[in-house]
Structures are given as C-alpha cells and as structure tokens.
Amino acid sequence: MIETIEMIGLKRSGHHALMNWIIKNLTHQQVDYWYKYIRLRGTNFWILNDSSHKIEEGGKMFLDTIEHSGVVPNTFIVNYEDTDTNYCLFNDDKIYKGSKSKYEFYGHDIKLDSRVLIIRNFYDNIFSRYLGVKNRIVIEAFYDDKFINLWKKHAKYYLENERNCIKFEDWKYNKDKRNDFLKHNFNINETFNTNNIKGTTTSNKEDIEKDYKILPDQIKEFIRKDNELHNLMGQLGYKYNEL
C-alpha cells in the first residue's frame, strides 16, 4: 500500500512551491521541476509532477522506476493542475470517492493519506495567467469564464474544507497558518519556512506591478457581472477590485 498525498491547485496559484515546501518539511529536501517523475535521493519518497497531464506517460515512468530500482515508493505525492476539486488520478472514473474507497495506480494499491488545496487571490491568479500567456512564459493558461468558474469551485471547496486548504498569501506570510496546515494534514510542525522554496522555472517571472485593468475587456465584463464570484472573494477575505 503506497501512502499518497494529493495536491489540488490552479496554474499560477503557487501550488508547485507549496508542494516543495511540504516535501522539504517532510524529507528535508526539495526538488527542481525539470522532470515529470522524481525520486528523492536516499528515500522511497516519489513525486509525479503535473499528475493530471500526460497520465499514461506518468504511469510508464512509475512502472519503469519500480522495475529499474526494484522498490516501490513508501510515499507518493501528486499534484492536480486546473482540475475540478473532485478529480482523482487513482481510479477509472478519475473522481475522488472518499478516503475509504479502493484506489490503485498501474496495479499498485494506493492509500490516500492527505488531500490538500491551495488557492490564490482571484485577481493575482488570473492576471498571472494572462501575463504568462501574453509574454510567452507559459504555454497554456486559460483566463476566460472557464477559469472564473473553476476558481469559484476551488473557493467553495476551501470554504467547506478549510483545514485541508491554504491560501497562497497565508502560506507565504502567515507562520501560524502554515504551522496549523502542516499539523492538521501531516502531523508535523514547520521546520522550514517559505524562504528559498522553489516553484517552477517560470514562477519568478511575473511583473511586480499588477494593473488588472489591462485584462481583456470581455474578461473584465465577466468579472463585473459575476455576483457569486464577488461573494466568494469576500468570504475568503479577498478584496473586490473595480475594473
């Protein structure tokens, strides 16, 4: 039985940095996200990066690593990017059905130990995606009404499962929130803070100045008219910005 940690996050939300911070506090190591499949040095802790993309490729790497190393991971961490909050890699339906359901990955039984989500301020997240595409920092990052609806689903999940979730801003600046998150989900205290934690290679290429008004007019109109979005922002403690 492979103990498995699932992470849920939107692209440009900071979920790769959060994953590295969790890994570092669990193993005292962190990784560079150059590869899809990573085995930490001297451990049976394995990482499948961007697990909801190129699933068959990830599965082949998983099986190849087991074959060449002769061992099976004790702990496996996966991250789901731009998926619904009920997404799960480990069954045919790709839907999470509760911790007691049967899960497997290419013939190996999976025990889902932790399922966590990170959410970022709506404006910073959509603006980062927009700039990422515009400046060719990222290949794909939709920032239309599809993103708005997905962010709202993640916000609702946060409100219903707050102790299993963390806001990017709390993760970055609030030690008490970070420690509570680690204690509740992994039964450890924070040893390493967010200093020098690595995200993806594009994470540090955002513009510091955030002029949200340069977003496309159609997107601004979607945002202005979406009262549910405004309400969810407020419930999460985020400020509504007039565009």
Protein backbone atom coordinates (compact mmCIF):
# COMPACT_ATOMS: atom_id res chain seq x y z
CA MET A 1 0.00 0.00 0.00
CA ILE A 2 1.52 3.31 -1.13
CA GLU A 3 0.74 6.25 1.14
CA THR A 4 -0.20 9.10 -1.16
CA ILE A 5 -0.55 12.88 -0.85
CA GLU A 6 -2.80 14.64 -3.38
CA MET A 7 -2.47 18.35 -4.09
CA ILE A 8 -5.04 20.47 -5.94
CA GLY A 9 -4.24 23.89 -7.40
CA LEU A 10 -4.78 26.19 -10.34
CA LYS A 11 -1.90 27.04 -12.63
CA ARG A 12 -0.02 30.13 -11.35
CA SER A 13 -1.51 29.66 -7.86
CA GLY A 14 1.78 28.71 -6.22
CA HIS A 15 0.96 25.01 -5.96
CA HIS A 16 4.43 23.87 -7.08
CA ALA A 17 6.08 26.00 -4.39
CA LEU A 18 3.61 24.71 -1.79
CA MET A 19 4.40 21.13 -2.82
CA ASN A 20 8.13 21.74 -2.46
CA TRP A 21 7.60 23.28 0.97
CA ILE A 22 5.60 20.22 2.08
CA ILE A 23 8.28 17.91 0.65
CA LYS A 24 11.04 19.85 2.40
CA ASN A 25 9.30 19.76 5.77
CA LEU A 26 8.69 16.01 5.39
CA THR A 27 12.10 15.00 3.96
CA HIS A 28 14.47 17.98 4.41
CA GLN A 29 14.89 18.04 0.61
CA GLN A 30 13.25 19.93 -2.22
CA VAL A 31 13.22 19.38 -5.97
CA ASP A 32 13.68 21.18 -9.26
CA TYR A 33 10.71 20.67 -11.53
CA TRP A 34 12.69 19.75 -14.62
CA TYR A 35 11.23 16.26 -14.80
CA LYS A 36 7.77 14.75 -14.58
CA TYR A 37 8.84 11.89 -12.33
CA ILE A 38 11.27 12.41 -9.44
CA ARG A 39 12.63 10.07 -6.80
CA LEU A 40 14.18 11.87 -3.84
CA ARG A 41 17.77 10.97 -3.06
CA GLY A 42 18.18 8.23 -0.49
CA THR A 43 14.45 7.83 0.11
CA ASN A 44 11.37 5.98 -1.07
CA PHE A 45 9.57 9.32 -1.46
CA TRP A 46 8.49 9.80 -5.09
CA ILE A 47 6.91 12.75 -6.89
CA LEU A 48 4.72 12.70 -10.01
CA ASN A 49 4.66 16.31 -11.21
CA ASP A 50 1.61 17.74 -13.02
CA SER A 51 -0.06 14.39 -12.49
CA SER A 52 -3.33 15.27 -14.24
CA HIS A 53 -1.43 15.85 -17.51
CA LYS A 54 0.01 13.08 -19.72
CA ILE A 55 -1.28 10.35 -17.41
CA GLU A 56 -0.04 7.41 -19.49
CA GLU A 57 3.45 8.91 -19.67
CA GLY A 58 3.46 9.31 -15.89
CA GLY A 59 2.28 5.74 -15.41
CA LYS A 60 5.03 4.38 -17.64
CA MET A 61 7.66 6.33 -15.67
CA PHE A 62 6.19 4.98 -12.43
CA LEU A 63 6.43 1.36 -13.61
CA ASP A 64 9.87 1.86 -15.19
CA THR A 65 11.24 3.31 -11.95
CA ILE A 66 9.91 0.36 -9.95
CA GLU A 67 11.40 -2.09 -12.45
CA HIS A 68 14.84 -0.45 -12.52
CA SER A 69 15.09 0.27 -8.79
CA GLY A 70 13.47 -2.91 -7.53
CA VAL A 71 11.48 -0.96 -4.92
CA VAL A 72 8.03 0.57 -4.57
CA PRO A 73 7.60 4.05 -3.05
CA ASN A 74 6.58 4.34 0.59
CA THR A 75 5.21 7.83 -0.04
CA PHE A 76 3.94 9.24 -3.31
CA ILE A 77 2.97 12.89 -3.88
CA VAL A 78 0.92 14.01 -6.87
CA ASN A 79 -0.43 17.38 -7.94
CA TYR A 80 -3.53 18.12 -9.98
CA GLU A 81 -3.43 21.34 -12.01
CA ASP A 82 -6.52 23.12 -13.37
CA THR A 83 -8.84 20.25 -12.46
CA ASP A 84 -12.15 20.12 -10.69
CA THR A 85 -11.84 19.65 -6.94
CA ASN A 86 -13.19 16.08 -7.11
CA TYR A 87 -10.52 14.92 -9.56
CA CYS A 88 -8.56 11.81 -8.57
CA LEU A 89 -5.87 10.01 -10.55
CA PHE A 90 -6.33 6.63 -8.91
CA ASN A 91 -9.48 5.11 -10.37
CA ASP A 92 -11.05 4.66 -13.81
CA ASP A 93 -13.62 7.41 -13.26
CA LYS A 94 -10.91 9.91 -12.22
CA ILE A 95 -13.23 11.03 -9.40
CA TYR A 96 -12.45 11.12 -5.67
CA LYS A 97 -14.90 8.89 -3.80
CA GLY A 98 -13.76 9.29 -0.22
CA SER A 99 -10.75 8.05 1.71
CA LYS A 100 -12.18 4.56 2.29
CA SER A 101 -12.73 3.73 -1.39
CA LYS A 102 -10.33 1.46 -3.27
CA TYR A 103 -7.67 3.25 -5.32
CA GLU A 104 -4.82 1.93 -7.41
CA PHE A 105 -2.18 3.09 -9.86
CA TYR A 106 -0.98 0.66 -12.51
CA GLY A 107 -1.55 -2.40 -10.35
CA HIS A 108 -0.35 -0.92 -7.05
CA ASP A 109 -2.76 -0.21 -4.20
CA ILE A 110 -2.93 3.43 -3.12
CA LYS A 111 -3.81 4.77 0.32
CA LEU A 112 -4.93 8.39 0.13
CA ASP A 113 -3.48 9.92 3.29
CA SER A 114 -3.84 13.64 2.59
CA ARG A 115 -5.77 15.70 0.07
CA VAL A 116 -4.95 19.42 0.16
CA LEU A 117 -5.74 22.52 -1.90
CA ILE A 118 -4.09 25.90 -2.39
CA ILE A 119 -6.00 28.94 -3.63
CA ARG A 120 -4.66 32.36 -4.61
CA ASN A 121 -6.25 35.80 -4.74
CA PHE A 122 -8.50 35.70 -7.81
CA TYR A 123 -7.09 38.85 -9.42
CA ASP A 124 -3.45 37.88 -8.92
CA ASN A 125 -4.13 34.39 -10.27
CA ILE A 126 -6.00 35.43 -13.41
CA PHE A 127 -3.58 38.30 -14.06
CA SER A 128 -0.58 35.98 -13.72
CA ARG A 129 -2.15 33.55 -16.18
CA TYR A 130 -2.94 36.36 -18.62
CA LEU A 131 0.60 37.77 -18.47
CA GLY A 132 2.09 34.30 -18.64
CA VAL A 133 0.40 33.64 -21.96
CA LYS A 134 0.89 37.16 -23.30
CA ASN A 135 4.62 37.17 -22.50
CA ARG A 136 5.05 33.52 -23.54
CA ILE A 137 6.16 32.50 -20.07
CA VAL A 138 3.67 29.64 -20.00
CA ILE A 139 2.36 27.62 -22.91
CA GLU A 140 -1.22 27.17 -21.78
CA ALA A 141 -3.21 29.00 -19.14
CA PHE A 142 -6.82 29.86 -19.93
CA TYR A 143 -8.07 33.05 -18.30
CA ASP A 144 -11.66 33.27 -19.54
CA ASP A 145 -15.01 32.37 -17.98
CA LYS A 146 -13.79 28.77 -17.73
CA PHE A 147 -11.10 29.92 -15.29
CA ILE A 148 -13.58 32.06 -13.36
CA ASN A 149 -15.91 29.07 -12.86
CA LEU A 150 -13.02 26.82 -11.86
CA TRP A 151 -11.73 29.38 -9.33
CA LYS A 152 -15.22 29.56 -7.82
CA LYS A 153 -15.30 25.76 -7.42
CA HIS A 154 -11.93 25.89 -5.67
CA ALA A 155 -13.16 28.72 -3.44
CA LYS A 156 -16.23 26.70 -2.42
CA TYR A 157 -14.04 23.70 -1.67
CA TYR A 158 -11.84 25.92 0.52
CA LEU A 159 -14.86 27.15 2.49
CA GLU A 160 -16.11 23.58 3.02
CA ASN A 161 -12.70 22.06 3.86
CA GLU A 162 -10.73 24.97 5.29
CA ARG A 163 -8.30 22.97 7.43
CA ASN A 164 -7.26 20.93 4.39
CA CYS A 165 -6.63 24.08 2.38
CA ILE A 166 -4.38 27.13 2.49
CA LYS A 167 -4.45 30.48 0.77
CA PHE A 168 -1.27 31.34 -1.10
CA GLU A 169 -1.00 34.60 0.82
CA ASP A 170 -1.28 32.80 4.19
CA TRP A 171 1.27 30.23 3.07
CA LYS A 172 3.71 32.96 2.15
CA TYR A 173 3.26 35.36 5.06
CA ASN A 174 1.48 33.71 8.00
CA LYS A 175 3.59 31.31 10.07
CA ASP A 176 0.71 30.30 12.35
CA LYS A 177 -1.49 29.37 9.37
CA ARG A 178 1.35 27.38 7.81
CA ASN A 179 2.04 25.50 11.01
CA ASP A 180 -1.65 24.72 11.57
CA PHE A 181 -1.90 23.44 7.98
CA LEU A 182 1.11 21.12 8.43
CA LYS A 183 -0.02 19.91 11.84
CA HIS A 184 -3.54 19.10 10.72
CA ASN A 185 -2.65 17.44 7.41
CA PHE A 186 0.74 15.84 8.08
CA ASN A 187 1.08 15.81 11.89
CA ILE A 188 4.35 17.79 11.80
CA ASN A 189 5.41 21.28 12.76
CA GLU A 190 7.07 23.68 10.34
CA THR A 191 10.85 23.22 10.29
CA PHE A 192 11.48 25.11 7.05
CA ASN A 193 9.64 28.33 6.24
CA THR A 194 8.93 29.68 2.75
CA ASN A 195 12.36 31.29 2.26
CA ASN A 196 14.21 29.85 -0.74
CA ILE A 197 11.44 27.43 -1.60
CA LYS A 198 11.48 26.63 -5.32
CA GLY A 199 8.48 26.79 -7.61
CA THR A 200 8.56 26.19 -11.33
CA THR A 201 11.16 27.91 -13.52
CA THR A 202 8.54 30.49 -14.55
CA SER A 203 7.32 31.31 -11.03
CA ASN A 204 9.63 34.29 -10.52
CA LYS A 205 8.96 35.89 -13.91
CA GLU A 206 5.79 37.74 -13.00
CA ASP A 207 5.52 41.50 -13.31
CA ILE A 208 5.56 43.13 -9.89
CA GLU A 209 3.17 45.88 -10.99
CA LYS A 210 -0.34 44.45 -11.15
CA ASP A 211 -2.50 46.64 -13.34
CA TYR A 212 -5.59 44.44 -13.51
CA LYS A 213 -7.29 46.92 -15.83
CA ILE A 214 -5.18 45.73 -18.76
CA LEU A 215 -7.08 42.44 -18.74
CA PRO A 216 -9.17 41.97 -21.92
CA ASP A 217 -12.48 43.84 -21.86
CA GLN A 218 -14.55 40.68 -22.21
CA ILE A 219 -12.89 39.16 -19.14
CA LYS A 220 -13.41 42.34 -17.12
CA GLU A 221 -17.09 42.24 -18.07
CA PHE A 222 -17.40 38.61 -16.94
CA ILE A 223 -15.84 39.60 -13.60
CA ARG A 224 -18.02 42.70 -13.11
CA LYS A 225 -21.26 40.76 -13.65
CA ASP A 226 -20.45 37.71 -11.53
CA ASN A 227 -22.01 38.37 -8.13
CA GLU A 228 -21.25 34.83 -6.96
CA LEU A 229 -17.55 35.48 -7.65
CA HIS A 230 -17.66 38.73 -5.66
CA ASN A 231 -19.36 36.98 -2.75
CA LEU A 232 -16.80 34.14 -2.69
CA MET A 233 -13.93 36.62 -2.77
CA GLY A 234 -15.39 38.31 0.29
CA GLN A 235 -15.90 35.04 2.16
CA LEU A 236 -12.24 34.18 1.60
CA GLY A 237 -11.15 37.64 2.77
CA TYR A 238 -10.16 38.92 -0.66
CA LYS A 239 -10.98 42.45 -1.74
CA TYR A 240 -13.14 43.18 -4.80
CA ASN A 241 -11.31 45.42 -7.28
CA GLU A 242 -13.20 47.74 -9.59
CA LEU A 243 -12.04 47.16 -13.16
